[in-house]
Every structure is written in structure tokens, then in C-alpha cells.
């Protein structure tokens, strides 16, 4: 895939490297400003799986002081 992109970029090698840098910068910016903020609320990382019952159990066993 990268070879295909490299062959289709115009200009000599220095211009191609500049275009690759711009493409990478635009892609990373798009991911951080659009995709990741949209995806964050849809990921289960904020779901708590330990409830109050587990906390009381740990307290009784002396794990939590």
C-alpha cells in the first residue's frame, strides 16, 4: 500500500517526503480532533464493574482500612 501511495505522489523525492509528512499530519489531526472524541463515549473504559457490595466485602476482610 505504501509503495502504491509513493508511486502516485507527484514530484521528486524531497517533494514526496513533504507530501507524506503533510498527509500524516492531517491524518493524525483528524483522528485526534474528530474520531477519538466521537469514539470516547462509546468505549466501556468508564464503566465500573466493582459495586458497593465488593467494597464492603474488602472492608470486612481487612483489605481496605
C-alpha atoms as a PDB file:
ATOM      1  CA  UNK A   1       0.000   0.000   0.000  1.00  0.00           C
ATOM      2  CA  UNK A   2       2.781   2.452   0.888  1.00  0.00           C
ATOM      3  CA  UNK A   3       4.544   1.670  -2.361  1.00  0.00           C
ATOM      4  CA  UNK A   4       1.332   2.444  -4.259  1.00  0.00           C
ATOM      5  CA  UNK A   5       0.982   5.786  -2.445  1.00  0.00           C
ATOM      6  CA  UNK A   6       4.663   6.620  -3.067  1.00  0.00           C
ATOM      7  CA  UNK A   7       4.355   5.870  -6.787  1.00  0.00           C
ATOM      8  CA  UNK A   8       1.266   8.073  -7.149  1.00  0.00           C
ATOM      9  CA  UNK A   9       2.664  11.135  -5.379  1.00  0.00           C
ATOM     10  CA  UNK A  10       3.924  13.788  -7.812  1.00  0.00           C
ATOM     11  CA  UNK A  11       7.390  15.292  -7.948  1.00  0.00           C
ATOM     12  CA  UNK A  12      10.896  14.264  -6.936  1.00  0.00           C
ATOM     13  CA  UNK A  13      11.724  12.511  -3.654  1.00  0.00           C
ATOM     14  CA  UNK A  14      12.011  15.654  -1.456  1.00  0.00           C
ATOM     15  CA  UNK A  15       8.561  16.824  -2.585  1.00  0.00           C
ATOM     16  CA  UNK A  16       7.155  13.363  -1.992  1.00  0.00           C
ATOM     17  CA  UNK A  17       8.592  13.332   1.556  1.00  0.00           C
ATOM     18  CA  UNK A  18       6.991  16.701   2.222  1.00  0.00           C
ATOM     19  CA  UNK A  19       3.641  15.410   0.926  1.00  0.00           C
ATOM     20  CA  UNK A  20       3.946  12.276   3.079  1.00  0.00           C
ATOM     21  CA  UNK A  21       4.615  14.449   6.145  1.00  0.00           C
ATOM     22  CA  UNK A  22       1.569  16.602   5.360  1.00  0.00           C
ATOM     23  CA  UNK A  23      -0.628  13.531   4.819  1.00  0.00           C
ATOM     24  CA  UNK A  24       0.499  12.020   8.141  1.00  0.00           C
ATOM     25  CA  UNK A  25      -0.044  15.325   9.967  1.00  0.00           C
ATOM     26  CA  UNK A  26      -3.540  15.744   8.511  1.00  0.00           C
ATOM     27  CA  UNK A  27      -4.443  12.131   9.350  1.00  0.00           C
ATOM     28  CA  UNK A  28      -3.249  12.397  12.973  1.00  0.00           C
ATOM     29  CA  UNK A  29      -5.006  15.748  13.412  1.00  0.00           C
ATOM     30  CA  UNK A  30      -8.246  14.308  12.032  1.00  0.00           C
ATOM     31  CA  UNK A  31      -8.003  11.338  14.384  1.00  0.00           C
ATOM     32  CA  UNK A  32      -7.388  13.489  17.485  1.00  0.00           C
ATOM     33  CA  UNK A  33      -9.954  16.180  16.696  1.00  0.00           C
ATOM     34  CA  UNK A  34     -12.776  14.144  15.148  1.00  0.00           C
ATOM     35  CA  UNK A  35     -12.509  10.367  15.505  1.00  0.00           C
ATOM     36  CA  UNK A  36     -11.211   9.983  19.075  1.00  0.00           C
ATOM     37  CA  UNK A  37     -13.669  12.487  20.632  1.00  0.00           C
ATOM     38  CA  UNK A  38     -16.522  10.741  18.810  1.00  0.00           C
ATOM     39  CA  UNK A  39     -15.308   7.304  19.920  1.00  0.00           C
ATOM     40  CA  UNK A  40     -14.539   8.076  23.589  1.00  0.00           C
ATOM     41  CA  UNK A  41     -18.124   7.967  24.941  1.00  0.00           C
ATOM     42  CA  UNK A  42     -18.719   4.702  23.094  1.00  0.00           C
ATOM     43  CA  UNK A  43     -15.857   2.849  24.800  1.00  0.00           C
ATOM     44  CA  UNK A  44     -16.504   0.959  28.045  1.00  0.00           C
ATOM     45  CA  UNK A  45     -13.499   2.350  29.967  1.00  0.00           C
ATOM     46  CA  UNK A  46     -15.648   4.409  32.344  1.00  0.00           C
ATOM     47  CA  UNK A  47     -17.934   1.521  33.296  1.00  0.00           C
ATOM     48  CA  UNK A  48     -17.339   0.498  36.898  1.00  0.00           C
ATOM     49  CA  UNK A  49     -17.538  -3.231  37.484  1.00  0.00           C
ATOM     50  CA  UNK A  50     -16.968  -3.214  41.250  1.00  0.00           C
ATOM     51  CA  UNK A  51     -20.036  -2.175  43.205  1.00  0.00           C
ATOM     52  CA  UNK A  52     -20.685  -1.300  46.821  1.00  0.00           C
ATOM     53  CA  UNK A  53     -21.003  -4.975  47.797  1.00  0.00           C
ATOM     54  CA  UNK A  54     -17.416  -5.711  46.811  1.00  0.00           C
ATOM     55  CA  UNK A  55     -16.168  -2.682  48.774  1.00  0.00           C
ATOM     56  CA  UNK A  56     -17.973  -3.850  51.926  1.00  0.00           C
ATOM     57  CA  UNK A  57     -16.511  -7.342  51.459  1.00  0.00           C
ATOM     58  CA  UNK A  58     -12.981  -5.973  51.221  1.00  0.00           C
ATOM     59  CA  UNK A  59     -13.573  -3.810  54.289  1.00  0.00           C
ATOM     60  CA  UNK A  60     -14.684  -6.827  56.330  1.00  0.00           C
ATOM     61  CA  UNK A  61     -11.623  -8.832  55.251  1.00  0.00           C
ATOM     62  CA  UNK A  62      -9.312  -6.031  56.343  1.00  0.00           C
ATOM     63  CA  UNK A  63      -8.027  -5.330  52.835  1.00  0.00           C
ATOM     64  CA  UNK A  64      -9.286  -1.740  52.910  1.00  0.00           C
ATOM     65  CA  UNK A  65      -8.556   0.198  56.059  1.00  0.00           C
END
